[in-house]
Amino acid sequence: MKFYLRTFALIAIVLFIIAISPTIENSTSTQADTKPQISIPSKPQYVMVATVVATKDNRAERLENYFAAKTSPFAGKAENFVAVADKYDIDWTLLPAIANLESQLGEQVPAFSYNPYGWNNGNYRFGSWEAANEIVANGLRTRYAPTGIITPSRIGRMYAASPTWAVRVAKYQLEISNFK
């Protein structure tokens, strides 16, 4: 999202400079035809150099390393976590952080439920980890925060009964985001 905002800002600046640059001047000749003439200055008065540096999106790699270090059954699923988070405009650390708190990253789930989030008080059964990610992310976006940023403190009181749930999820988010 930040990349698109930076790109848009850069384009807006370039268009503004083009709009204000003097590229058309009136002819001062004595000809009867006084149409404006386009001139190209030999030395430009204004020069703008913009450098756009794209950084590698290594969130999935970092998340995969985190899952591996924690011996989570989510190993190999990091790309899906990041893709689903991007799809629903959710912080990429939120779903793994909730899963860490609710099920120790999928290690403590009801048999064959694929429910690492404690969704529906742990009574919901998903067909796969990917399906769980999709349904929970959609639910977070539609049920808890249809607009704006989804944060643990914003959804905590509705998502879990524990008054410390949001603080603990935020702690896991920080742990995940700092993991290399």
Foldseek 3Di string as FASTA:
>chain_A
DVLVVVVVVVVVVVVVCVVPAPQWDWDPDPDPDTDIDGDDDPDGPDDDDDDDDDDDPCLLVLLLVVCVVLVAPCNVVSVLLQVLCVVLVAPSLQVQLQLCVQAVRHPRAPPQQLASNCPPVRPHRDNHVSRNSNVVSVCCCPPQNVDDYRALVSRVVVRDVDPCSRVSSVVSSVVSVPGD
